[in-house]
Amino acid sequence: MPKQMHEFFDPRKTEGFQWRTPESYQNGEGGVQEMIVTEDKETGVFTRFLKFEPGASGKGTLTHECWEEVYIIEGPLVAEGQVYEAGTVAIRPPGMPHGPFSAPEGALTFEVHYYSK
């Protein structure tokens, strides 16, 4: 099924949207939650919010088979000693290593994962 269409809505106030631990953070890191806004389960593309509680951190480097675009709504996020503030954008091609991340003050990102032809 293709990604679902949603016309202007607040997923925090819309039934059916909930925070959960993302697969890439289920190896004991904790403090990181995602809210999937729309996804295509057949292709694996999705759009989500990713929330880091204050003090949350990941332990590993991540790579994806797809493109990933990230906008930091609230921050900062820290990776390899570099601090990324709110308003910062990352556009990563498939296979690009990134992370691990920490969020000493907490952070919120908006992410789109997709495949390009």
PDB file of N, CA and C in Angstrom:
ATOM      1  N   MET A   1       0.846  -1.186   0.000  1.00  0.00           N
ATOM      2  CA  MET A   1       0.000   0.000   0.000  1.00  0.00           C
ATOM      3  C   MET A   1       0.886   1.242   0.000  1.00  0.00           C
ATOM      4  N   PRO A   2       0.642   2.204  -0.863  1.00  0.00           N
ATOM      5  CA  PRO A   2       1.459   3.413  -0.884  1.00  0.00           C
ATOM      6  C   PRO A   2       1.287   4.233   0.391  1.00  0.00           C
ATOM      7  N   LYS A   3       2.187   5.207   0.582  1.00  0.00           N
ATOM      8  CA  LYS A   3       2.070   6.082   1.745  1.00  0.00           C
ATOM      9  C   LYS A   3       0.682   6.701   1.800  1.00  0.00           C
ATOM     10  N   GLN A   4       0.171   6.871   3.001  1.00  0.00           N
ATOM     11  CA  GLN A   4      -1.149   7.436   3.206  1.00  0.00           C
ATOM     12  C   GLN A   4      -1.098   8.954   3.024  1.00  0.00           C
ATOM     13  N   MET A   5      -2.140   9.505   2.465  1.00  0.00           N
ATOM     14  CA  MET A   5      -2.261  10.945   2.313  1.00  0.00           C
ATOM     15  C   MET A   5      -2.971  11.500   3.543  1.00  0.00           C
ATOM     16  N   HIS A   6      -2.428  12.592   4.072  1.00  0.00           N
ATOM     17  CA  HIS A   6      -3.055  13.296   5.192  1.00  0.00           C
ATOM     18  C   HIS A   6      -2.982  14.784   4.873  1.00  0.00           C
ATOM     19  N   GLU A   7      -4.089  15.465   4.899  1.00  0.00           N
ATOM     20  CA  GLU A   7      -4.125  16.906   4.658  1.00  0.00           C
ATOM     21  C   GLU A   7      -4.077  17.612   6.004  1.00  0.00           C
ATOM     22  N   PHE A   8      -3.152  18.509   6.208  1.00  0.00           N
ATOM     23  CA  PHE A   8      -2.929  19.287   7.423  1.00  0.00           C
ATOM     24  C   PHE A   8      -3.633  18.728   8.661  1.00  0.00           C
ATOM     25  N   PHE A   9      -2.845  18.159   9.533  1.00  0.00           N
ATOM     26  CA  PHE A   9      -3.380  17.578  10.761  1.00  0.00           C
ATOM     27  C   PHE A   9      -2.278  17.590  11.801  1.00  0.00           C
ATOM     28  N   ASP A  10      -2.647  17.415  13.030  1.00  0.00           N
ATOM     29  CA  ASP A  10      -1.698  17.364  14.139  1.00  0.00           C
ATOM     30  C   ASP A  10      -1.658  15.922  14.636  1.00  0.00           C
ATOM     31  N   PRO A  11      -0.594  15.165  14.306  1.00  0.00           N
ATOM     32  CA  PRO A  11      -0.567  13.754  14.720  1.00  0.00           C
ATOM     33  C   PRO A  11      -0.580  13.565  16.229  1.00  0.00           C
ATOM     34  N   ARG A  12      -0.183  14.598  16.981  1.00  0.00           N
ATOM     35  CA  ARG A  12      -0.217  14.494  18.448  1.00  0.00           C
ATOM     36  C   ARG A  12      -1.652  14.458  18.960  1.00  0.00           C
ATOM     37  N   LYS A  13      -2.595  14.947  18.131  1.00  0.00           N
ATOM     38  CA  LYS A  13      -3.994  15.036  18.555  1.00  0.00           C
ATOM     39  C   LYS A  13      -4.912  14.163  17.712  1.00  0.00           C
ATOM     40  N   THR A  14      -4.345  13.363  16.814  1.00  0.00           N
ATOM     41  CA  THR A  14      -5.139  12.542  15.907  1.00  0.00           C
ATOM     42  C   THR A  14      -5.056  11.085  16.340  1.00  0.00           C
ATOM     43  N   GLU A  15      -6.182  10.438  16.455  1.00  0.00           N
ATOM     44  CA  GLU A  15      -6.230   9.042  16.877  1.00  0.00           C
ATOM     45  C   GLU A  15      -5.433   8.166  15.918  1.00  0.00           C
ATOM     46  N   GLY A  16      -4.748   7.190  16.463  1.00  0.00           N
ATOM     47  CA  GLY A  16      -4.002   6.233  15.643  1.00  0.00           C
ATOM     48  C   GLY A  16      -2.513   6.521  15.541  1.00  0.00           C
ATOM     49  N   PHE A  17      -2.083   7.677  15.998  1.00  0.00           N
ATOM     50  CA  PHE A  17      -0.654   8.009  15.967  1.00  0.00           C
ATOM     51  C   PHE A  17      -0.115   7.907  17.384  1.00  0.00           C
ATOM     52  N   GLN A  18       0.980   7.145  17.517  1.00  0.00           N
ATOM     53  CA  GLN A  18       1.541   6.958  18.850  1.00  0.00           C
ATOM     54  C   GLN A  18       3.056   6.896  18.776  1.00  0.00           C
ATOM     55  N   TRP A  19       3.679   7.200  19.896  1.00  0.00           N
ATOM     56  CA  TRP A  19       5.134   7.125  20.009  1.00  0.00           C
ATOM     57  C   TRP A  19       5.514   5.680  20.306  1.00  0.00           C
ATOM     58  N   ARG A  20       6.608   5.200  19.702  1.00  0.00           N
ATOM     59  CA  ARG A  20       7.122   3.851  19.944  1.00  0.00           C
ATOM     60  C   ARG A  20       8.638   3.877  19.767  1.00  0.00           C
ATOM     61  N   THR A  21       9.277   2.848  20.268  1.00  0.00           N
ATOM     62  CA  THR A  21      10.732   2.736  20.118  1.00  0.00           C
ATOM     63  C   THR A  21      11.051   2.282  18.700  1.00  0.00           C
ATOM     64  N   PRO A  22      11.874   3.041  17.967  1.00  0.00           N
ATOM     65  CA  PRO A  22      12.223   2.628  16.597  1.00  0.00           C
ATOM     66  C   PRO A  22      13.130   1.404  16.595  1.00  0.00           C
ATOM     67  N   GLU A  23      13.035   0.608  15.532  1.00  0.00           N
ATOM     68  CA  GLU A  23      13.853  -0.597  15.425  1.00  0.00           C
ATOM     69  C   GLU A  23      15.336  -0.305  15.586  1.00  0.00           C
ATOM     70  N   SER A  24      15.807   0.774  15.000  1.00  0.00           N
ATOM     71  CA  SER A  24      17.243   1.075  15.044  1.00  0.00           C
ATOM     72  C   SER A  24      17.724   1.487  16.438  1.00  0.00           C
ATOM     73  N   TYR A  25      16.817   1.663  17.392  1.00  0.00           N
ATOM     74  CA  TYR A  25      17.200   2.029  18.759  1.00  0.00           C
ATOM     75  C   TYR A  25      16.744   0.988  19.777  1.00  0.00           C
ATOM     76  N   GLN A  26      16.453  -0.238  19.347  1.00  0.00           N
ATOM     77  CA  GLN A  26      15.956  -1.255  20.262  1.00  0.00           C
ATOM     78  C   GLN A  26      17.056  -2.112  20.870  1.00  0.00           C
ATOM     79  N   ASN A  27      18.307  -1.720  20.714  1.00  0.00           N
ATOM     80  CA  ASN A  27      19.392  -2.524  21.285  1.00  0.00           C
ATOM     81  C   ASN A  27      19.863  -1.956  22.616  1.00  0.00           C
ATOM     82  N   GLY A  28      18.921  -1.433  23.381  1.00  0.00           N
ATOM     83  CA  GLY A  28      19.249  -1.045  24.735  1.00  0.00           C
ATOM     84  C   GLY A  28      19.521   0.422  24.948  1.00  0.00           C
ATOM     85  N   GLU A  29      19.419   1.263  23.899  1.00  0.00           N
ATOM     86  CA  GLU A  29      19.729   2.676  24.106  1.00  0.00           C
ATOM     87  C   GLU A  29      18.673   3.375  24.945  1.00  0.00           C
ATOM     88  N   GLY A  30      17.449   3.326  24.635  1.00  0.00           N
ATOM     89  CA  GLY A  30      16.410   3.964  25.430  1.00  0.00           C
ATOM     90  C   GLY A  30      16.395   5.472  25.285  1.00  0.00           C
ATOM     91  N   GLY A  31      15.218   6.043  25.575  1.00  0.00           N
ATOM     92  CA  GLY A  31      15.068   7.482  25.520  1.00  0.00           C
ATOM     93  C   GLY A  31      14.818   8.047  24.144  1.00  0.00           C
ATOM     94  N   VAL A  32      14.639   7.186  23.130  1.00  0.00           N
ATOM     95  CA  VAL A  32      14.360   7.629  21.769  1.00  0.00           C
ATOM     96  C   VAL A  32      13.042   6.997  21.329  1.00  0.00           C
ATOM     97  N   GLN A  33      12.137   7.834  20.809  1.00  0.00           N
ATOM     98  CA  GLN A  33      10.823   7.379  20.361  1.00  0.00           C
ATOM     99  C   GLN A  33      10.534   7.955  18.978  1.00  0.00           C
ATOM    100  N   GLU A  34       9.755   7.219  18.178  1.00  0.00           N
ATOM    101  CA  GLU A  34       9.341   7.699  16.873  1.00  0.00           C
ATOM    102  C   GLU A  34       7.823   7.713  16.787  1.00  0.00           C
ATOM    103  N   MET A  35       7.322   8.618  15.950  1.00  0.00           N
ATOM    104  CA  MET A  35       5.914   8.632  15.585  1.00  0.00           C
ATOM    105  C   MET A  35       5.874   8.613  14.064  1.00  0.00           C
ATOM    106  N   ILE A  36       5.440   7.485  13.495  1.00  0.00           N
ATOM    107  CA  ILE A  36       5.327   7.363  12.045  1.00  0.00           C
ATOM    108  C   ILE A  36       4.100   8.154  11.597  1.00  0.00           C
ATOM    109  N   VAL A  37       4.303   9.080  10.665  1.00  0.00           N
ATOM    110  CA  VAL A  37       3.216   9.909  10.152  1.00  0.00           C
ATOM    111  C   VAL A  37       2.572   9.246   8.942  1.00  0.00           C
ATOM    112  N   THR A  38       3.403   8.654   8.077  1.00  0.00           N
ATOM    113  CA  THR A  38       2.911   7.919   6.918  1.00  0.00           C
ATOM    114  C   THR A  38       4.010   6.974   6.446  1.00  0.00           C
ATOM    115  N   GLU A  39       3.614   5.817   5.893  1.00  0.00           N
ATOM    116  CA  GLU A  39       4.612   4.856   5.440  1.00  0.00           C
ATOM    117  C   GLU A  39       4.040   3.958   4.362  1.00  0.00           C
ATOM    118  N   ASP A  40       4.934   3.384   3.595  1.00  0.00           N
ATOM    119  CA  ASP A  40       4.597   2.354   2.618  1.00  0.00           C
ATOM    120  C   ASP A  40       5.328   1.104   3.086  1.00  0.00           C
ATOM    121  N   LYS A  41       4.611   0.181   3.662  1.00  0.00           N
ATOM    122  CA  LYS A  41       5.238  -1.019   4.230  1.00  0.00           C
ATOM    123  C   LYS A  41       5.882  -1.906   3.165  1.00  0.00           C
ATOM    124  N   GLU A  42       5.401  -1.843   1.924  1.00  0.00           N
ATOM    125  CA  GLU A  42       5.986  -2.651   0.853  1.00  0.00           C
ATOM    126  C   GLU A  42       7.370  -2.157   0.452  1.00  0.00           C
ATOM    127  N   THR A  43       7.536  -0.854   0.363  1.00  0.00           N
ATOM    128  CA  THR A  43       8.823  -0.304  -0.072  1.00  0.00           C
ATOM    129  C   THR A  43       9.718   0.104   1.090  1.00  0.00           C
ATOM    130  N   GLY A  44       9.128   0.305   2.266  1.00  0.00           N
ATOM    131  CA  GLY A  44       9.913   0.710   3.425  1.00  0.00           C
ATOM    132  C   GLY A  44      10.124   2.212   3.536  1.00  0.00           C
ATOM    133  N   VAL A  45       9.486   3.024   2.696  1.00  0.00           N
ATOM    134  CA  VAL A  45       9.627   4.472   2.816  1.00  0.00           C
ATOM    135  C   VAL A  45       8.677   4.978   3.895  1.00  0.00           C
ATOM    136  N   PHE A  46       9.090   6.035   4.592  1.00  0.00           N
ATOM    137  CA  PHE A  46       8.247   6.565   5.658  1.00  0.00           C
ATOM    138  C   PHE A  46       8.638   7.996   5.996  1.00  0.00           C
ATOM    139  N   THR A  47       7.716   8.644   6.711  1.00  0.00           N
ATOM    140  CA  THR A  47       7.929   9.975   7.268  1.00  0.00           C
ATOM    141  C   THR A  47       7.634   9.857   8.752  1.00  0.00           C
ATOM    142  N   ARG A  48       8.500  10.468   9.579  1.00  0.00           N
ATOM    143  CA  ARG A  48       8.316  10.319  11.021  1.00  0.00           C
ATOM    144  C   ARG A  48       8.845  11.521  11.783  1.00  0.00           C
ATOM    145  N   PHE A  49       8.406  11.603  13.038  1.00  0.00           N
ATOM    146  CA  PHE A  49       9.043  12.448  14.040  1.00  0.00           C
ATOM    147  C   PHE A  49       9.915  11.518  14.870  1.00  0.00           C
ATOM    148  N   LEU A  50      11.089  11.984  15.267  1.00  0.00           N
ATOM    149  CA  LEU A  50      11.968  11.215  16.142  1.00  0.00           C
ATOM    150  C   LEU A  50      12.273  12.097  17.353  1.00  0.00           C
ATOM    151  N   LYS A  51      11.939  11.587  18.544  1.00  0.00           N
ATOM    152  CA  LYS A  51      12.067  12.359  19.781  1.00  0.00           C
ATOM    153  C   LYS A  51      13.144  11.739  20.671  1.00  0.00           C
ATOM    154  N   PHE A  52      14.084  12.563  21.103  1.00  0.00           N
ATOM    155  CA  PHE A  52      15.144  12.170  22.031  1.00  0.00           C
ATOM    156  C   PHE A  52      14.843  12.822  23.374  1.00  0.00           C
ATOM    157  N   GLU A  53      14.672  12.021  24.411  1.00  0.00           N
ATOM    158  CA  GLU A  53      14.488  12.560  25.750  1.00  0.00           C
ATOM    159  C   GLU A  53      15.806  13.192  26.215  1.00  0.00           C
ATOM    160  N   PRO A  54      15.760  14.158  27.150  1.00  0.00           N
ATOM    161  CA  PRO A  54      17.014  14.737  27.653  1.00  0.00           C
ATOM    162  C   PRO A  54      17.955  13.642  28.155  1.00  0.00           C
ATOM    163  N   GLY A  55      19.183  13.691  27.681  1.00  0.00           N
ATOM    164  CA  GLY A  55      20.192  12.710  28.065  1.00  0.00           C
ATOM    165  C   GLY A  55      20.222  11.459  27.210  1.00  0.00           C
ATOM    166  N   ALA A  56      19.282  11.304  26.293  1.00  0.00           N
ATOM    167  CA  ALA A  56      19.242  10.104  25.440  1.00  0.00           C
ATOM    168  C   ALA A  56      20.448  10.075  24.516  1.00  0.00           C
ATOM    169  N   SER A  57      20.919   8.861  24.250  1.00  0.00           N
ATOM    170  CA  SER A  57      22.037   8.718  23.316  1.00  0.00           C
ATOM    171  C   SER A  57      21.992   7.343  22.678  1.00  0.00           C
ATOM    172  N   GLY A  58      22.495   7.287  21.460  1.00  0.00           N
ATOM    173  CA  GLY A  58      22.623   6.028  20.748  1.00  0.00           C
ATOM    174  C   GLY A  58      24.042   5.510  20.891  1.00  0.00           C
ATOM    175  N   LYS A  59      24.216   4.233  20.693  1.00  0.00           N
ATOM    176  CA  LYS A  59      25.533   3.631  20.860  1.00  0.00           C
ATOM    177  C   LYS A  59      26.196   3.284  19.534  1.00  0.00           C
ATOM    178  N   GLY A  60      25.439   3.235  18.456  1.00  0.00           N
ATOM    179  CA  GLY A  60      26.014   2.753  17.215  1.00  0.00           C
ATOM    180  C   GLY A  60      25.907   3.744  16.072  1.00  0.00           C
ATOM    181  N   THR A  61      26.693   3.458  15.039  1.00  0.00           N
ATOM    182  CA  THR A  61      26.607   4.201  13.792  1.00  0.00           C
ATOM    183  C   THR A  61      25.499   3.584  12.956  1.00  0.00           C
ATOM    184  N   LEU A  62      24.708   4.429  12.306  1.00  0.00           N
ATOM    185  CA  LEU A  62      23.581   3.976  11.497  1.00  0.00           C
ATOM    186  C   LEU A  62      23.874   4.152  10.014  1.00  0.00           C
ATOM    187  N   THR A  63      23.302   3.295   9.191  1.00  0.00           N
ATOM    188  CA  THR A  63      23.258   3.482   7.739  1.00  0.00           C
ATOM    189  C   THR A  63      21.879   3.028   7.283  1.00  0.00           C
ATOM    190  N   HIS A  64      21.437   3.573   6.170  1.00  0.00           N
ATOM    191  CA  HIS A  64      20.140   3.207   5.616  1.00  0.00           C
ATOM    192  C   HIS A  64      20.308   2.836   4.157  1.00  0.00           C
ATOM    193  N   GLU A  65      19.428   1.999   3.654  1.00  0.00           N
ATOM    194  CA  GLU A  65      19.445   1.626   2.238  1.00  0.00           C
ATOM    195  C   GLU A  65      18.759   2.692   1.383  1.00  0.00           C
ATOM    196  N   CYS A  66      18.161   3.663   2.012  1.00  0.00           N
ATOM    197  CA  CYS A  66      17.399   4.698   1.308  1.00  0.00           C
ATOM    198  C   CYS A  66      17.989   6.076   1.599  1.00  0.00           C
ATOM    199  N   TRP A  67      17.466   7.076   0.918  1.00  0.00           N
ATOM    200  CA  TRP A  67      17.784   8.464   1.239  1.00  0.00           C
ATOM    201  C   TRP A  67      17.116   8.815   2.557  1.00  0.00           C
ATOM    202  N   GLU A  68      17.753   9.717   3.310  1.00  0.00           N
ATOM    203  CA  GLU A  68      17.181  10.195   4.559  1.00  0.00           C
ATOM    204  C   GLU A  68      17.361  11.713   4.608  1.00  0.00           C
ATOM    205  N   GLU A  69      16.253  12.411   4.858  1.00  0.00           N
ATOM    206  CA  GLU A  69      16.303  13.859   5.038  1.00  0.00           C
ATOM    207  C   GLU A  69      15.792  14.162   6.440  1.00  0.00           C
ATOM    208  N   VAL A  70      16.553  14.959   7.173  1.00  0.00           N
ATOM    209  CA  VAL A  70      16.268  15.229   8.575  1.00  0.00           C
ATOM    210  C   VAL A  70      16.246  16.736   8.809  1.00  0.00           C
ATOM    211  N   TYR A  71      15.242  17.200   9.533  1.00  0.00           N
ATOM    212  CA  TYR A  71      15.157  18.592   9.968  1.00  0.00           C
ATOM    213  C   TYR A  71      15.064  18.579  11.488  1.00  0.00           C
ATOM    214  N   ILE A  72      15.969  19.277  12.155  1.00  0.00           N
ATOM    215  CA  ILE A  72      15.946  19.344  13.622  1.00  0.00           C
ATOM    216  C   ILE A  72      14.987  20.456  14.033  1.00  0.00           C
ATOM    217  N   ILE A  73      13.870  20.054  14.630  1.00  0.00           N
ATOM    218  CA  ILE A  73      12.849  21.002  15.097  1.00  0.00           C
ATOM    219  C   ILE A  73      13.280  21.607  16.426  1.00  0.00           C
ATOM    220  N   GLU A  74      13.683  20.740  17.338  1.00  0.00           N
ATOM    221  CA  GLU A  74      14.178  21.161  18.655  1.00  0.00           C
ATOM    222  C   GLU A  74      15.487  20.435  18.877  1.00  0.00           C
ATOM    223  N   GLY A  75      16.425  21.082  19.487  1.00  0.00           N
ATOM    224  CA  GLY A  75      17.718  20.459  19.688  1.00  0.00           C
ATOM    225  C   GLY A  75      18.388  21.048  20.900  1.00  0.00           C
ATOM    226  N   PRO A  76      19.654  20.787  20.969  1.00  0.00           N
ATOM    227  CA  PRO A  76      20.545  20.299  19.926  1.00  0.00           C
ATOM    228  C   PRO A  76      20.718  18.778  19.925  1.00  0.00           C
ATOM    229  N   LEU A  77      21.228  18.278  18.798  1.00  0.00           N
ATOM    230  CA  LEU A  77      21.722  16.903  18.680  1.00  0.00           C
ATOM    231  C   LEU A  77      23.238  16.965  18.577  1.00  0.00           C
ATOM    232  N   VAL A  78      23.906  15.989  19.153  1.00  0.00           N
ATOM    233  CA  VAL A  78      25.369  15.942  19.124  1.00  0.00           C
ATOM    234  C   VAL A  78      25.797  14.637  18.468  1.00  0.00           C
ATOM    235  N   ALA A  79      26.739  14.728  17.513  1.00  0.00           N
ATOM    236  CA  ALA A  79      27.305  13.546  16.857  1.00  0.00           C
ATOM    237  C   ALA A  79      28.786  13.787  16.627  1.00  0.00           C
ATOM    238  N   GLU A  80      29.603  12.854  17.097  1.00  0.00           N
ATOM    239  CA  GLU A  80      31.065  12.923  16.927  1.00  0.00           C
ATOM    240  C   GLU A  80      31.624  14.270  17.337  1.00  0.00           C
ATOM    241  N   GLY A  81      31.128  14.807  18.455  1.00  0.00           N
ATOM    242  CA  GLY A  81      31.637  16.065  18.980  1.00  0.00           C
ATOM    243  C   GLY A  81      31.074  17.306  18.308  1.00  0.00           C
ATOM    244  N   GLN A  82      30.303  17.141  17.252  1.00  0.00           N
ATOM    245  CA  GLN A  82      29.694  18.275  16.547  1.00  0.00           C
ATOM    246  C   GLN A  82      28.289  18.501  17.086  1.00  0.00           C
ATOM    247  N   VAL A  83      27.944  19.764  17.366  1.00  0.00           N
ATOM    248  CA  VAL A  83      26.623  20.117  17.874  1.00  0.00           C
ATOM    249  C   VAL A  83      25.783  20.647  16.716  1.00  0.00           C
ATOM    250  N   TYR A  84      24.582  20.077  16.554  1.00  0.00           N
ATOM    251  CA  TYR A  84      23.650  20.488  15.507  1.00  0.00           C
ATOM    252  C   TYR A  84      22.418  21.089  16.173  1.00  0.00           C
ATOM    253  N   GLU A  85      22.184  22.367  15.930  1.00  0.00           N
ATOM    254  CA  GLU A  85      21.116  23.117  16.581  1.00  0.00           C
ATOM    255  C   GLU A  85      19.785  22.961  15.836  1.00  0.00           C
ATOM    256  N   ALA A  86      18.705  23.395  16.479  1.00  0.00           N
ATOM    257  CA  ALA A  86      17.398  23.447  15.833  1.00  0.00           C
ATOM    258  C   ALA A  86      17.510  24.270  14.555  1.00  0.00           C
ATOM    259  N   GLY A  87      16.808  23.843  13.509  1.00  0.00           N
ATOM    260  CA  GLY A  87      16.868  24.513  12.217  1.00  0.00           C
ATOM    261  C   GLY A  87      17.873  23.897  11.259  1.00  0.00           C
ATOM    262  N   THR A  88      18.697  22.966  11.755  1.00  0.00           N
ATOM    263  CA  THR A  88      19.702  22.308  10.931  1.00  0.00           C
ATOM    264  C   THR A  88      19.065  21.191  10.114  1.00  0.00           C
ATOM    265  N   VAL A  89      19.561  21.018   8.889  1.00  0.00           N
ATOM    266  CA  VAL A  89      19.043  20.008   7.968  1.00  0.00           C
ATOM    267  C   VAL A  89      20.169  19.061   7.567  1.00  0.00           C
ATOM    268  N   ALA A  90      19.861  17.776   7.437  1.00  0.00           N
ATOM    269  CA  ALA A  90      20.797  16.780   6.901  1.00  0.00           C
ATOM    270  C   ALA A  90      20.109  16.063   5.751  1.00  0.00           C
ATOM    271  N   ILE A  91      20.848  15.847   4.663  1.00  0.00           N
ATOM    272  CA  ILE A  91      20.351  15.067   3.531  1.00  0.00           C
ATOM    273  C   ILE A  91      21.400  14.004   3.257  1.00  0.00           C
ATOM    274  N   ARG A  92      21.033  12.747   3.500  1.00  0.00           N
ATOM    275  CA  ARG A  92      21.996  11.649   3.432  1.00  0.00           C
ATOM    276  C   ARG A  92      21.627  10.658   2.339  1.00  0.00           C
ATOM    277  N   PRO A  93      22.601  10.308   1.493  1.00  0.00           N
ATOM    278  CA  PRO A  93      22.342   9.288   0.475  1.00  0.00           C
ATOM    279  C   PRO A  93      22.366   7.894   1.094  1.00  0.00           C
ATOM    280  N   PRO A  94      21.857   6.894   0.388  1.00  0.00           N
ATOM    281  CA  PRO A  94      21.904   5.527   0.890  1.00  0.00           C
ATOM    282  C   PRO A  94      23.335   5.116   1.232  1.00  0.00           C
ATOM    283  N   GLY A  95      23.477   4.422   2.362  1.00  0.00           N
ATOM    284  CA  GLY A  95      24.770   3.891   2.769  1.00  0.00           C
ATOM    285  C   GLY A  95      25.656   4.844   3.540  1.00  0.00           C
ATOM    286  N   MET A  96      25.257   6.101   3.710  1.00  0.00           N
ATOM    287  CA  MET A  96      26.101   7.070   4.431  1.00  0.00           C
ATOM    288  C   MET A  96      26.046   6.805   5.931  1.00  0.00           C
ATOM    289  N   PRO A  97      27.196   6.509   6.555  1.00  0.00           N
ATOM    290  CA  PRO A  97      27.207   6.298   8.005  1.00  0.00           C
ATOM    291  C   PRO A  97      26.954   7.618   8.743  1.00  0.00           C
ATOM    292  N   HIS A  98      26.215   7.548   9.839  1.00  0.00           N
ATOM    293  CA  HIS A  98      25.972   8.726  10.669  1.00  0.00           C
ATOM    294  C   HIS A  98      25.684   8.289  12.099  1.00  0.00           C
ATOM    295  N   GLY A  99      25.941   9.210  13.023  1.00  0.00           N
ATOM    296  CA  GLY A  99      25.765   8.900  14.443  1.00  0.00           C
ATOM    297  C   GLY A  99      27.033   8.321  15.034  1.00  0.00           C
ATOM    298  N   PRO A 100      26.943   7.843  16.245  1.00  0.00           N
ATOM    299  CA  PRO A 100      25.779   7.859  17.131  1.00  0.00           C
ATOM    300  C   PRO A 100      25.452   9.280  17.599  1.00  0.00           C
ATOM    301  N   PHE A 101      24.205   9.478  18.013  1.00  0.00           N
ATOM    302  CA  PHE A 101      23.716  10.776  18.425  1.00  0.00           C
ATOM    303  C   PHE A 101      23.466  10.802  19.925  1.00  0.00           C
ATOM    304  N   SER A 102      23.573  11.990  20.494  1.00  0.00           N
ATOM    305  CA  SER A 102      23.137  12.201  21.869  1.00  0.00           C
ATOM    306  C   SER A 102      22.360  13.511  21.901  1.00  0.00           C
ATOM    307  N   ALA A 103      21.516  13.629  22.904  1.00  0.00           N
ATOM    308  CA  ALA A 103      20.681  14.824  23.059  1.00  0.00           C
ATOM    309  C   ALA A 103      20.687  15.233  24.521  1.00  0.00           C
ATOM    310  N   PRO A 104      21.729  15.939  24.943  1.00  0.00           N
ATOM    311  CA  PRO A 104      21.830  16.297  26.357  1.00  0.00           C
ATOM    312  C   PRO A 104      20.614  17.055  26.889  1.00  0.00           C
ATOM    313  N   GLU A 105      19.976  17.862  26.032  1.00  0.00           N
ATOM    314  CA  GLU A 105      18.822  18.657  26.444  1.00  0.00           C
ATOM    315  C   GLU A 105      17.521  18.122  25.872  1.00  0.00           C
ATOM    316  N   GLY A 106      17.585  17.036  25.106  1.00  0.00           N
ATOM    317  CA  GLY A 106      16.428  16.526  24.387  1.00  0.00           C
ATOM    318  C   GLY A 106      16.410  17.125  22.991  1.00  0.00           C
ATOM    319  N   ALA A 107      15.725  16.432  22.070  1.00  0.00           N
ATOM    320  CA  ALA A 107      15.654  16.913  20.688  1.00  0.00           C
ATOM    321  C   ALA A 107      14.437  16.296  20.005  1.00  0.00           C
ATOM    322  N   LEU A 108      14.010  16.959  18.929  1.00  0.00           N
ATOM    323  CA  LEU A 108      12.909  16.471  18.114  1.00  0.00           C
ATOM    324  C   LEU A 108      13.273  16.711  16.653  1.00  0.00           C
ATOM    325  N   THR A 109      13.161  15.661  15.831  1.00  0.00           N
ATOM    326  CA  THR A 109      13.445  15.797  14.405  1.00  0.00           C
ATOM    327  C   THR A 109      12.239  15.371  13.585  1.00  0.00           C
ATOM    328  N   PHE A 110      12.203  15.845  12.342  1.00  0.00           N
ATOM    329  CA  PHE A 110      11.227  15.426  11.346  1.00  0.00           C
ATOM    330  C   PHE A 110      12.029  14.785  10.231  1.00  0.00           C
ATOM    331  N   GLU A 111      11.698  13.547   9.861  1.00  0.00           N
ATOM    332  CA  GLU A 111      12.510  12.793   8.908  1.00  0.00           C
ATOM    333  C   GLU A 111      11.665  12.200   7.793  1.00  0.00           C
ATOM    334  N   VAL A 112      12.252  12.176   6.591  1.00  0.00           N
ATOM    335  CA  VAL A 112      11.635  11.526   5.439  1.00  0.00           C
ATOM    336  C   VAL A 112      12.655  10.527   4.900  1.00  0.00           C
ATOM    337  N   HIS A 113      12.266   9.270   4.782  1.00  0.00           N
ATOM    338  CA  HIS A 113      13.108   8.198   4.236  1.00  0.00           C
ATOM    339  C   HIS A 113      12.461   7.745   2.933  1.00  0.00           C
ATOM    340  N   TYR A 114      13.241   7.720   1.843  1.00  0.00           N
ATOM    341  CA  TYR A 114      12.678   7.390   0.540  1.00  0.00           C
ATOM    342  C   TYR A 114      13.747   6.832  -0.396  1.00  0.00           C
ATOM    343  N   TYR A 115      13.304   6.217  -1.478  1.00  0.00           N
ATOM    344  CA  TYR A 115      14.176   5.706  -2.519  1.00  0.00           C
ATOM    345  C   TYR A 115      14.067   6.621  -3.723  1.00  0.00           C
ATOM    346  N   SER A 116      15.182   6.868  -4.379  1.00  0.00           N
ATOM    347  CA  SER A 116      15.210   7.697  -5.579  1.00  0.00           C
ATOM    348  C   SER A 116      15.587   6.832  -6.766  1.00  0.00           C
ATOM    349  N   LYS A 117      14.956   7.049  -7.890  1.00  0.00           N
ATOM    350  CA  LYS A 117      15.220   6.239  -9.075  1.00  0.00           C
ATOM    351  C   LYS A 117      16.497   6.673  -9.753  1.00  0.00           C
TER     352      LYS A 117
END
